[in-house]
Amino acid sequence: MHPAPCISVRPTLQHQQGMSLLEALITLIIMAILGIGLAYVSGRASVAQRYMNSQNPAVGQMRFNLQTTTCAASANISIASSTVSTPCVLQASAATLTAQSASGTTIASGSVTVSVPSVSTVSGDNTANQLFGGQIKIDSSQQ
């Protein structure tokens, strides 16, 4: 019997030249792409947070004005030392009412028109666009 020839399991240095450098470069590129994506998401979140921080007090003041004062066409709110025009508009809403007895027969019916207030920032107001990122509207269609 002949002994098995000795096979070297150890790779030669000639085949490994530059492989770890290439792996490090690919890792660096992947990490750079992830870092850019994370910076973009973080920037978008901070912009959204900025608008939310100015919208919440504005909506609170607009709701307070709706609850405590009469609907005025020339109302204003103050946010961050800026005055924003928030006119109030009354919208007519009609409803039909029907009264029925326990057996289901109609006793009376009638139509009622109710004025529903709606308040919003002026759509062309540059101050409101800079503070809130657009128009804010509070009306009965929003729940």
C-alpha atoms as a PDB file:
ATOM      1  CA  MET A   1       0.000   0.000   0.000  1.00  0.00           C
ATOM      2  CA  HIS A   2       1.060   3.417  -0.821  1.00  0.00           C
ATOM      3  CA  PRO A   3       0.494   6.227   1.652  1.00  0.00           C
ATOM      4  CA  ALA A   4      -1.983   8.889   0.573  1.00  0.00           C
ATOM      5  CA  PRO A   5      -0.350  11.939  -0.903  1.00  0.00           C
ATOM      6  CA  CYS A   6      -0.225  14.929   1.417  1.00  0.00           C
ATOM      7  CA  ILE A   7      -2.824  17.473   0.332  1.00  0.00           C
ATOM      8  CA  SER A   8      -2.407  20.903   1.767  1.00  0.00           C
ATOM      9  CA  VAL A   9      -5.629  22.219   3.264  1.00  0.00           C
ATOM     10  CA  ARG A  10      -4.100  25.590   3.761  1.00  0.00           C
ATOM     11  CA  PRO A  11      -4.866  27.979   0.871  1.00  0.00           C
ATOM     12  CA  THR A  12      -1.928  29.634  -0.673  1.00  0.00           C
ATOM     13  CA  LEU A  13      -1.341  33.310  -0.174  1.00  0.00           C
ATOM     14  CA  GLN A  14      -1.507  33.856  -3.919  1.00  0.00           C
ATOM     15  CA  HIS A  15      -5.279  33.122  -4.013  1.00  0.00           C
ATOM     16  CA  GLN A  16      -6.122  35.346  -1.018  1.00  0.00           C
ATOM     17  CA  GLN A  17      -4.498  38.572  -2.069  1.00  0.00           C
ATOM     18  CA  GLY A  18      -6.996  41.481  -1.807  1.00  0.00           C
ATOM     19  CA  MET A  19     -10.010  39.447  -0.643  1.00  0.00           C
ATOM     20  CA  SER A  20     -10.247  40.991   2.832  1.00  0.00           C
ATOM     21  CA  LEU A  21      -9.816  44.455   1.317  1.00  0.00           C
ATOM     22  CA  LEU A  22     -12.698  43.798  -1.093  1.00  0.00           C
ATOM     23  CA  GLU A  23     -14.899  42.466   1.734  1.00  0.00           C
ATOM     24  CA  ALA A  24     -14.157  45.567   3.816  1.00  0.00           C
ATOM     25  CA  LEU A  25     -15.003  47.844   0.871  1.00  0.00           C
ATOM     26  CA  ILE A  26     -18.356  46.107   0.258  1.00  0.00           C
ATOM     27  CA  THR A  27     -19.180  46.317   3.978  1.00  0.00           C
ATOM     28  CA  LEU A  28     -18.311  50.022   3.985  1.00  0.00           C
ATOM     29  CA  ILE A  29     -20.577  50.689   0.974  1.00  0.00           C
ATOM     30  CA  ILE A  30     -23.502  48.815   2.562  1.00  0.00           C
ATOM     31  CA  MET A  31     -23.064  50.713   5.832  1.00  0.00           C
ATOM     32  CA  ALA A  32     -22.904  54.043   3.954  1.00  0.00           C
ATOM     33  CA  ILE A  33     -26.187  53.269   2.166  1.00  0.00           C
ATOM     34  CA  LEU A  34     -27.838  52.347   5.476  1.00  0.00           C
ATOM     35  CA  GLY A  35     -26.484  55.538   7.094  1.00  0.00           C
ATOM     36  CA  ILE A  36     -27.853  57.730   4.297  1.00  0.00           C
ATOM     37  CA  GLY A  37     -31.260  56.024   4.566  1.00  0.00           C
ATOM     38  CA  LEU A  38     -31.309  56.509   8.324  1.00  0.00           C
ATOM     39  CA  ALA A  39     -30.396  60.191   7.969  1.00  0.00           C
ATOM     40  CA  TYR A  40     -33.214  60.693   5.433  1.00  0.00           C
ATOM     41  CA  VAL A  41     -35.817  59.023   7.664  1.00  0.00           C
ATOM     42  CA  SER A  42     -34.609  61.004  10.675  1.00  0.00           C
ATOM     43  CA  GLY A  43     -34.868  64.272   8.722  1.00  0.00           C
ATOM     44  CA  ARG A  44     -38.404  63.529   7.563  1.00  0.00           C
ATOM     45  CA  ALA A  45     -39.436  62.633  11.126  1.00  0.00           C
ATOM     46  CA  SER A  46     -38.055  65.918  12.491  1.00  0.00           C
ATOM     47  CA  VAL A  47     -39.963  67.921   9.838  1.00  0.00           C
ATOM     48  CA  ALA A  48     -43.186  66.073  10.718  1.00  0.00           C
ATOM     49  CA  GLN A  49     -42.523  66.722  14.423  1.00  0.00           C
ATOM     50  CA  ARG A  50     -42.010  70.445  13.732  1.00  0.00           C
ATOM     51  CA  TYR A  51     -45.335  70.768  11.939  1.00  0.00           C
ATOM     52  CA  MET A  52     -47.126  68.732  14.601  1.00  0.00           C
ATOM     53  CA  ASN A  53     -45.714  70.962  17.366  1.00  0.00           C
ATOM     54  CA  SER A  54     -47.229  74.030  15.694  1.00  0.00           C
ATOM     55  CA  GLN A  55     -50.475  72.381  14.551  1.00  0.00           C
ATOM     56  CA  ASN A  56     -51.570  71.091  17.960  1.00  0.00           C
ATOM     57  CA  PRO A  57     -51.780  74.526  19.666  1.00  0.00           C
ATOM     58  CA  ALA A  58     -53.446  75.981  16.559  1.00  0.00           C
ATOM     59  CA  VAL A  59     -56.131  73.303  16.507  1.00  0.00           C
ATOM     60  CA  GLY A  60     -56.629  73.770  20.251  1.00  0.00           C
ATOM     61  CA  GLN A  61     -57.118  77.526  19.851  1.00  0.00           C
ATOM     62  CA  MET A  62     -59.456  77.053  16.878  1.00  0.00           C
ATOM     63  CA  ARG A  63     -61.596  74.570  18.838  1.00  0.00           C
ATOM     64  CA  PHE A  64     -61.638  76.884  21.858  1.00  0.00           C
ATOM     65  CA  ASN A  65     -62.843  79.755  19.638  1.00  0.00           C
ATOM     66  CA  LEU A  66     -65.611  77.532  18.225  1.00  0.00           C
ATOM     67  CA  GLN A  67     -66.789  76.516  21.692  1.00  0.00           C
ATOM     68  CA  THR A  68     -66.637  79.862  23.457  1.00  0.00           C
ATOM     69  CA  THR A  69     -67.317  82.604  20.914  1.00  0.00           C
ATOM     70  CA  THR A  70     -69.783  83.261  18.190  1.00  0.00           C
ATOM     71  CA  CYS A  71     -68.763  82.412  14.658  1.00  0.00           C
ATOM     72  CA  ALA A  72     -66.866  85.471  13.333  1.00  0.00           C
ATOM     73  CA  ALA A  73     -65.643  86.010   9.799  1.00  0.00           C
ATOM     74  CA  SER A  74     -62.502  87.764  11.044  1.00  0.00           C
ATOM     75  CA  ALA A  75     -61.079  85.583  13.819  1.00  0.00           C
ATOM     76  CA  ASN A  76     -57.333  85.246  14.470  1.00  0.00           C
ATOM     77  CA  ILE A  77     -55.090  82.950  16.494  1.00  0.00           C
ATOM     78  CA  SER A  78     -51.522  83.557  17.709  1.00  0.00           C
ATOM     79  CA  ILE A  79     -48.891  80.852  17.286  1.00  0.00           C
ATOM     80  CA  ALA A  80     -45.160  81.404  17.895  1.00  0.00           C
ATOM     81  CA  SER A  81     -45.554  85.213  17.894  1.00  0.00           C
ATOM     82  CA  SER A  82     -47.297  85.049  14.509  1.00  0.00           C
ATOM     83  CA  THR A  83     -50.933  85.887  13.859  1.00  0.00           C
ATOM     84  CA  VAL A  84     -52.893  83.588  11.564  1.00  0.00           C
ATOM     85  CA  SER A  85     -56.335  84.412  10.195  1.00  0.00           C
ATOM     86  CA  THR A  86     -58.952  81.738  10.961  1.00  0.00           C
ATOM     87  CA  PRO A  87     -62.328  82.859   9.629  1.00  0.00           C
ATOM     88  CA  CYS A  88     -65.430  81.010  10.765  1.00  0.00           C
ATOM     89  CA  VAL A  89     -68.194  80.126   8.298  1.00  0.00           C
ATOM     90  CA  LEU A  90     -71.695  78.899   9.124  1.00  0.00           C
ATOM     91  CA  GLN A  91     -72.896  76.110   6.848  1.00  0.00           C
ATOM     92  CA  ALA A  92     -76.599  75.257   6.701  1.00  0.00           C
ATOM     93  CA  SER A  93     -77.384  71.595   7.243  1.00  0.00           C
ATOM     94  CA  ALA A  94     -80.919  70.238   6.806  1.00  0.00           C
ATOM     95  CA  ALA A  95     -82.346  67.258   8.683  1.00  0.00           C
ATOM     96  CA  THR A  96     -85.717  65.551   8.508  1.00  0.00           C
ATOM     97  CA  LEU A  97     -87.156  64.380  11.823  1.00  0.00           C
ATOM     98  CA  THR A  98     -89.885  61.769  12.184  1.00  0.00           C
ATOM     99  CA  ALA A  99     -91.625  60.847  15.456  1.00  0.00           C
ATOM    100  CA  GLN A 100     -93.130  57.364  15.649  1.00  0.00           C
ATOM    101  CA  SER A 101     -95.256  55.622  18.216  1.00  0.00           C
ATOM    102  CA  ALA A 102     -94.309  52.328  19.787  1.00  0.00           C
ATOM    103  CA  SER A 103     -96.403  50.499  17.183  1.00  0.00           C
ATOM    104  CA  GLY A 104     -94.461  52.214  14.347  1.00  0.00           C
ATOM    105  CA  THR A 105     -97.043  54.678  13.103  1.00  0.00           C
ATOM    106  CA  THR A 106     -95.848  58.178  12.250  1.00  0.00           C
ATOM    107  CA  ILE A 107     -97.034  60.773  14.741  1.00  0.00           C
ATOM    108  CA  ALA A 108     -95.286  63.827  13.295  1.00  0.00           C
ATOM    109  CA  SER A 109     -92.508  64.707  10.918  1.00  0.00           C
ATOM    110  CA  GLY A 110     -90.735  67.894  10.013  1.00  0.00           C
ATOM    111  CA  SER A 111     -87.632  69.411   8.523  1.00  0.00           C
ATOM    112  CA  VAL A 112     -85.061  71.368  10.520  1.00  0.00           C
ATOM    113  CA  THR A 113     -82.172  73.498   9.254  1.00  0.00           C
ATOM    114  CA  VAL A 114     -79.187  73.874  11.587  1.00  0.00           C
ATOM    115  CA  SER A 115     -76.170  76.147  11.111  1.00  0.00           C
ATOM    116  CA  VAL A 116     -72.936  74.200  11.595  1.00  0.00           C
ATOM    117  CA  PRO A 117     -69.753  76.239  12.155  1.00  0.00           C
ATOM    118  CA  SER A 118     -66.592  75.528  10.174  1.00  0.00           C
ATOM    119  CA  VAL A 119     -63.236  77.177  10.875  1.00  0.00           C
ATOM    120  CA  SER A 120     -60.012  76.964   8.868  1.00  0.00           C
ATOM    121  CA  THR A 121     -56.819  78.800   8.127  1.00  0.00           C
ATOM    122  CA  VAL A 122     -56.821  80.855   4.941  1.00  0.00           C
ATOM    123  CA  SER A 123     -55.466  78.672   2.127  1.00  0.00           C
ATOM    124  CA  GLY A 124     -53.295  81.405   0.559  1.00  0.00           C
ATOM    125  CA  ASP A 125     -51.789  82.610   3.867  1.00  0.00           C
ATOM    126  CA  ASN A 126     -47.983  82.240   3.701  1.00  0.00           C
ATOM    127  CA  THR A 127     -47.635  82.440   7.495  1.00  0.00           C
ATOM    128  CA  ALA A 128     -49.993  79.482   7.946  1.00  0.00           C
ATOM    129  CA  ASN A 129     -48.192  77.511   5.235  1.00  0.00           C
ATOM    130  CA  GLN A 130     -44.822  78.099   6.903  1.00  0.00           C
ATOM    131  CA  LEU A 131     -46.080  77.270  10.400  1.00  0.00           C
ATOM    132  CA  PHE A 132     -48.349  74.339   9.634  1.00  0.00           C
ATOM    133  CA  GLY A 133     -47.187  73.031   6.271  1.00  0.00           C
ATOM    134  CA  GLY A 134     -50.609  73.690   4.744  1.00  0.00           C
ATOM    135  CA  GLN A 135     -54.194  74.478   5.615  1.00  0.00           C
ATOM    136  CA  ILE A 136     -55.912  73.381   8.846  1.00  0.00           C
ATOM    137  CA  LYS A 137     -59.676  72.910   8.729  1.00  0.00           C
ATOM    138  CA  ILE A 138     -62.097  71.984  11.505  1.00  0.00           C
ATOM    139  CA  ASP A 139     -65.675  71.183  10.511  1.00  0.00           C
ATOM    140  CA  SER A 140     -68.417  68.691  11.231  1.00  0.00           C
ATOM    141  CA  SER A 141     -67.319  66.283   8.473  1.00  0.00           C
ATOM    142  CA  GLN A 142     -64.111  65.468  10.375  1.00  0.00           C
ATOM    143  CA  GLN A 143     -64.514  63.033  13.234  1.00  0.00           C
END
